[in-house]
């Protein structure tokens, strides 16, 4: 067998292995690590009401002093782990004592919707302990702006309207540490998400929680909007590690 034949055979075997692994990953719930591709998000930083945040956090979880956090509404064109393409919307509060190496504050998810498949929802519940339920997110381009919306059961829960400055886009990335509570063990775990891609600054037109009374999202309403970006790229998620 010539070197060319060996190379072709190896390439075919590798392609078949990757194809089989991808099919398996899309059919089964898998623990992290995860890779999200074709990732596009409108992320908006806000300041929350202190009383609402303190009531939502378990003992020992310390929010940022200024009660900063945000709203993230995104779509992933593909993924390894969560079951292919999915969309998501969640709200978070920044934490003390969980900074990434670049100083970015850690996050605690307050409420979220992931979907449309139940597999993606259950994957993030089961393996990362996130307080999410089935739902969808969408980005709607309007005249000169983008509207990002998260919904559940046909009801919109949160909406952010921004004007993106595409003239100032550039490469960027970083890492974010998350803290969550695993329901099965009632233990806190930490995991990280590293991302790289294109970042564009955005001006916020409005950021509103529009969930009906009684919905988990309705507990939180932004008091102040601090910043917003459009990010397009890839994200890698690490396995969770139990906290002492």
Protein backbone atom coordinates (compact mmCIF):
# COMPACT_ATOMS: atom_id res chain seq x y z
CA UNK A 1 0.00 0.00 0.00
CA UNK A 2 1.40 3.37 -1.00
CA UNK A 3 1.64 6.37 1.34
CA UNK A 4 -1.16 8.05 -0.65
CA UNK A 5 -3.43 5.03 -0.20
CA UNK A 6 -2.67 4.96 3.54
CA UNK A 7 -3.47 8.67 3.86
CA UNK A 8 -6.75 8.27 2.00
CA UNK A 9 -7.72 5.25 4.10
CA UNK A 10 -6.88 7.11 7.32
CA UNK A 11 -8.93 10.11 6.19
CA UNK A 12 -11.94 7.89 5.41
CA UNK A 13 -11.67 6.13 8.78
CA UNK A 14 -11.37 9.46 10.59
CA UNK A 15 -14.38 10.90 8.76
CA UNK A 16 -16.44 7.81 9.59
CA UNK A 17 -15.43 8.02 13.26
CA UNK A 18 -16.32 11.71 13.48
CA UNK A 19 -19.64 11.10 11.73
CA UNK A 20 -20.54 8.28 14.09
CA UNK A 21 -19.51 10.29 17.15
CA UNK A 22 -21.55 13.26 15.98
CA UNK A 23 -24.63 11.12 15.42
CA UNK A 24 -24.21 9.57 18.87
CA UNK A 25 -23.77 12.99 20.51
CA UNK A 26 -26.95 14.29 18.88
CA UNK A 27 -29.01 11.32 20.06
CA UNK A 28 -27.74 10.96 23.64
CA UNK A 29 -27.43 13.19 26.68
CA UNK A 30 -23.72 13.63 27.24
CA UNK A 31 -21.80 15.22 30.14
CA UNK A 32 -19.40 18.10 29.41
CA UNK A 33 -17.09 19.17 27.86
CA UNK A 34 -19.25 20.84 25.21
CA UNK A 35 -18.45 22.83 22.09
CA UNK A 36 -20.94 25.33 20.64
CA UNK A 37 -20.42 26.59 17.09
CA UNK A 38 -22.21 29.19 15.02
CA UNK A 39 -22.81 30.94 18.31
CA UNK A 40 -24.53 34.34 18.09
CA UNK A 41 -25.68 36.30 21.12
CA UNK A 42 -26.96 39.65 22.25
CA UNK A 43 -25.52 40.04 25.76
CA UNK A 44 -26.64 43.00 27.84
CA UNK A 45 -25.27 44.08 31.20
CA UNK A 46 -27.74 45.42 33.75
CA UNK A 47 -28.11 46.30 37.43
CA UNK A 48 -30.70 44.30 39.40
CA UNK A 49 -32.83 45.07 42.43
CA UNK A 50 -30.86 44.04 45.52
CA UNK A 51 -33.81 42.59 47.44
CA UNK A 52 -34.85 40.36 44.53
CA UNK A 53 -31.31 39.07 44.05
CA UNK A 54 -30.65 38.31 47.70
CA UNK A 55 -33.95 36.46 47.95
CA UNK A 56 -33.01 34.29 44.96
CA UNK A 57 -29.51 33.24 46.05
CA UNK A 58 -28.76 30.31 48.37
CA UNK A 59 -26.66 30.82 51.53
CA UNK A 60 -22.97 31.35 50.84
CA UNK A 61 -23.43 32.67 47.29
CA UNK A 62 -22.36 36.32 47.31
CA UNK A 63 -23.60 38.70 44.58
CA UNK A 64 -21.47 41.52 43.22
CA UNK A 65 -21.64 44.58 45.44
CA UNK A 66 -23.33 46.69 42.78
CA UNK A 67 -25.86 43.94 41.93
CA UNK A 68 -24.64 43.82 38.34
CA UNK A 69 -25.53 41.01 35.99
CA UNK A 70 -27.22 40.70 32.65
CA UNK A 71 -29.41 39.12 30.02
CA UNK A 72 -28.03 36.74 27.40
CA UNK A 73 -30.17 35.72 24.40
CA UNK A 74 -28.43 33.46 21.91
CA UNK A 75 -28.54 30.77 19.28
CA UNK A 76 -26.02 28.03 18.52
CA UNK A 77 -25.93 26.69 14.97
CA UNK A 78 -24.38 23.43 16.11
CA UNK A 79 -22.95 21.76 19.17
CA UNK A 80 -21.20 18.72 20.56
CA UNK A 81 -23.06 17.61 23.68
CA UNK A 82 -26.33 19.56 23.91
CA UNK A 83 -27.78 17.87 20.83
CA UNK A 84 -27.01 19.97 17.78
CA UNK A 85 -28.50 23.39 17.12
CA UNK A 86 -30.40 25.11 19.94
CA UNK A 87 -31.39 28.52 21.27
CA UNK A 88 -31.38 29.97 24.77
CA UNK A 89 -32.17 33.00 26.87
CA UNK A 90 -31.10 33.48 30.47
CA UNK A 91 -30.59 36.14 33.11
CA UNK A 92 -27.63 36.16 35.49
CA UNK A 93 -26.18 38.03 38.45
CA UNK A 94 -22.45 38.65 38.85
CA UNK A 95 -20.71 37.01 41.80
CA UNK A 96 -17.90 37.88 44.16
CA UNK A 97 -14.99 35.47 44.52
CA UNK A 98 -15.33 33.66 41.19
CA UNK A 99 -13.46 35.97 38.81
CA UNK A 100 -11.91 34.61 35.60
CA UNK A 101 -8.20 35.18 34.98
CA UNK A 102 -8.95 38.40 33.09
CA UNK A 103 -11.06 39.75 35.95
CA UNK A 104 -14.49 38.95 34.49
CA UNK A 105 -16.98 38.32 37.28
CA UNK A 106 -18.42 34.85 37.78
CA UNK A 107 -22.11 34.27 37.14
CA UNK A 108 -25.13 32.72 38.82
CA UNK A 109 -28.02 31.98 36.47
CA UNK A 110 -31.30 33.37 37.79
CA UNK A 111 -33.66 31.85 35.22
CA UNK A 112 -33.39 30.49 31.70
CA UNK A 113 -35.10 28.80 28.75
CA UNK A 114 -33.29 26.37 26.43
CA UNK A 115 -34.66 24.55 23.39
CA UNK A 116 -36.50 23.88 21.25
CA UNK A 117 -35.57 20.24 21.89
CA UNK A 118 -36.10 18.73 25.31
CA UNK A 119 -32.65 17.16 24.99
CA UNK A 120 -30.86 20.50 25.15
CA UNK A 121 -33.00 21.57 28.11
CA UNK A 122 -32.40 18.37 30.06
CA UNK A 123 -28.68 18.35 29.24
CA UNK A 124 -28.08 21.71 30.90
CA UNK A 125 -30.32 20.79 33.84
CA UNK A 126 -28.78 17.38 34.42
CA UNK A 127 -25.08 18.00 33.92
CA UNK A 128 -24.62 21.68 34.83
CA UNK A 129 -27.39 22.18 37.39
CA UNK A 130 -28.86 25.19 35.61
CA UNK A 131 -32.38 26.49 36.44
CA UNK A 132 -33.70 26.19 32.90
CA UNK A 133 -36.88 24.92 31.27
CA UNK A 134 -37.87 24.29 27.71
CA UNK A 135 -38.30 27.35 25.52
CA UNK A 136 -36.82 29.19 22.57
CA UNK A 137 -34.96 32.37 21.72
CA UNK A 138 -34.97 34.40 18.55
CA UNK A 139 -33.22 37.40 16.97
CA UNK A 140 -35.36 39.68 14.82
CA UNK A 141 -33.72 42.23 12.53
CA UNK A 142 -35.68 45.45 12.29
CA UNK A 143 -34.93 48.76 10.61
CA UNK A 144 -31.56 49.70 12.07
CA UNK A 145 -31.80 47.43 15.11
CA UNK A 146 -31.93 43.86 16.40
CA UNK A 147 -34.52 42.51 18.82
CA UNK A 148 -33.61 39.48 20.93
CA UNK A 149 -36.44 37.61 22.64
CA UNK A 150 -36.71 34.61 24.95
CA UNK A 151 -40.02 32.75 25.28
CA UNK A 152 -41.69 29.74 26.84
CA UNK A 153 -44.88 28.03 25.67
CA UNK A 154 -45.59 30.77 23.17
CA UNK A 155 -45.28 33.55 25.76
CA UNK A 156 -42.45 36.08 25.48
CA UNK A 157 -40.53 36.44 28.74
CA UNK A 158 -37.68 38.85 28.07
CA UNK A 159 -36.86 41.21 25.20
CA UNK A 160 -33.83 43.35 24.40
CA UNK A 161 -33.69 45.83 21.52
CA UNK A 162 -30.27 47.09 20.46
CA UNK A 163 -28.61 49.08 17.71
CA UNK A 164 -25.39 47.32 16.72
CA UNK A 165 -22.39 49.37 15.56
CA UNK A 166 -21.01 47.08 12.85
CA UNK A 167 -18.25 49.60 12.02
CA UNK A 168 -16.52 48.83 15.33
CA UNK A 169 -16.55 45.02 15.27
CA UNK A 170 -13.32 43.22 16.07
CA UNK A 171 -11.87 39.92 17.30
CA UNK A 172 -12.31 39.17 20.97
CA UNK A 173 -12.88 36.52 23.58
CA UNK A 174 -12.40 35.47 27.14
CA UNK A 175 -13.71 33.14 29.80
CA UNK A 176 -16.60 33.20 32.25
CA UNK A 177 -16.90 31.09 35.40
CA UNK A 178 -20.35 29.89 36.48
CA UNK A 179 -21.62 28.67 39.82
CA UNK A 180 -24.73 26.50 40.07
CA UNK A 181 -26.57 24.14 42.41
CA UNK A 182 -26.81 20.51 41.33
CA UNK A 183 -30.35 19.35 42.23
CA UNK A 184 -29.40 15.68 42.56
CA UNK A 185 -26.70 16.30 45.17
CA UNK A 186 -27.63 19.78 46.46
CA UNK A 187 -23.96 20.70 46.08
CA UNK A 188 -22.58 23.82 44.45
CA UNK A 189 -20.50 23.24 41.32
CA UNK A 190 -18.39 25.54 39.18
CA UNK A 191 -17.71 25.34 35.44
CA UNK A 192 -16.29 27.66 32.82
CA UNK A 193 -17.17 28.82 29.31
CA UNK A 194 -14.38 30.05 27.03
CA UNK A 195 -15.28 31.95 23.87
CA UNK A 196 -13.63 33.50 20.83
CA UNK A 197 -15.02 35.30 17.82
CA UNK A 198 -16.18 38.72 16.66
CA UNK A 199 -17.46 41.33 19.10
CA UNK A 200 -19.53 44.37 18.11
CA UNK A 201 -20.61 47.11 20.54
CA UNK A 202 -24.33 47.82 20.76
CA UNK A 203 -26.51 50.61 22.05
CA UNK A 204 -29.49 49.45 24.09
CA UNK A 205 -32.86 50.81 23.02
CA UNK A 206 -34.78 48.82 25.62
CA UNK A 207 -34.27 45.84 27.93
CA UNK A 208 -37.39 44.48 29.59
CA UNK A 209 -38.60 41.43 31.45
CA UNK A 210 -42.13 40.93 30.13
CA UNK A 211 -42.95 37.59 31.74
CA UNK A 212 -46.37 37.23 33.37
CA UNK A 213 -46.70 37.33 37.15
CA UNK A 214 -45.62 34.08 38.77
CA UNK A 215 -43.10 33.20 36.08
CA UNK A 216 -39.48 32.73 37.29
CA UNK A 217 -38.37 35.55 34.97
CA UNK A 218 -40.92 37.96 36.49
CA UNK A 219 -38.99 38.10 39.79
CA UNK A 220 -36.32 40.25 38.18
CA UNK A 221 -36.51 43.59 36.39
CA UNK A 222 -33.46 45.64 35.33
CA UNK A 223 -33.03 48.87 37.28
CA UNK A 224 -30.32 50.14 34.95
CA UNK A 225 -28.75 49.13 31.64
CA UNK A 226 -24.93 49.25 31.61
CA UNK A 227 -23.67 47.83 28.29
CA UNK A 228 -24.47 45.51 25.37
CA UNK A 229 -22.63 43.58 22.67
CA UNK A 230 -23.28 41.32 19.72
CA UNK A 231 -20.95 38.33 19.76
CA UNK A 232 -20.49 35.75 16.99
CA UNK A 233 -18.10 32.83 17.36
CA UNK A 234 -17.53 29.57 19.23
CA UNK A 235 -17.82 28.56 22.88
CA UNK A 236 -16.30 25.68 24.86
CA UNK A 237 -17.80 24.55 28.18
CA UNK A 238 -15.82 22.63 30.80
CA UNK A 239 -17.06 19.85 33.08
CA UNK A 240 -18.35 21.06 36.46
CA UNK A 241 -16.22 20.77 39.59
CA UNK A 242 -17.75 20.40 43.05
CA UNK A 243 -17.15 23.34 45.37
CA UNK A 244 -16.12 22.77 49.00
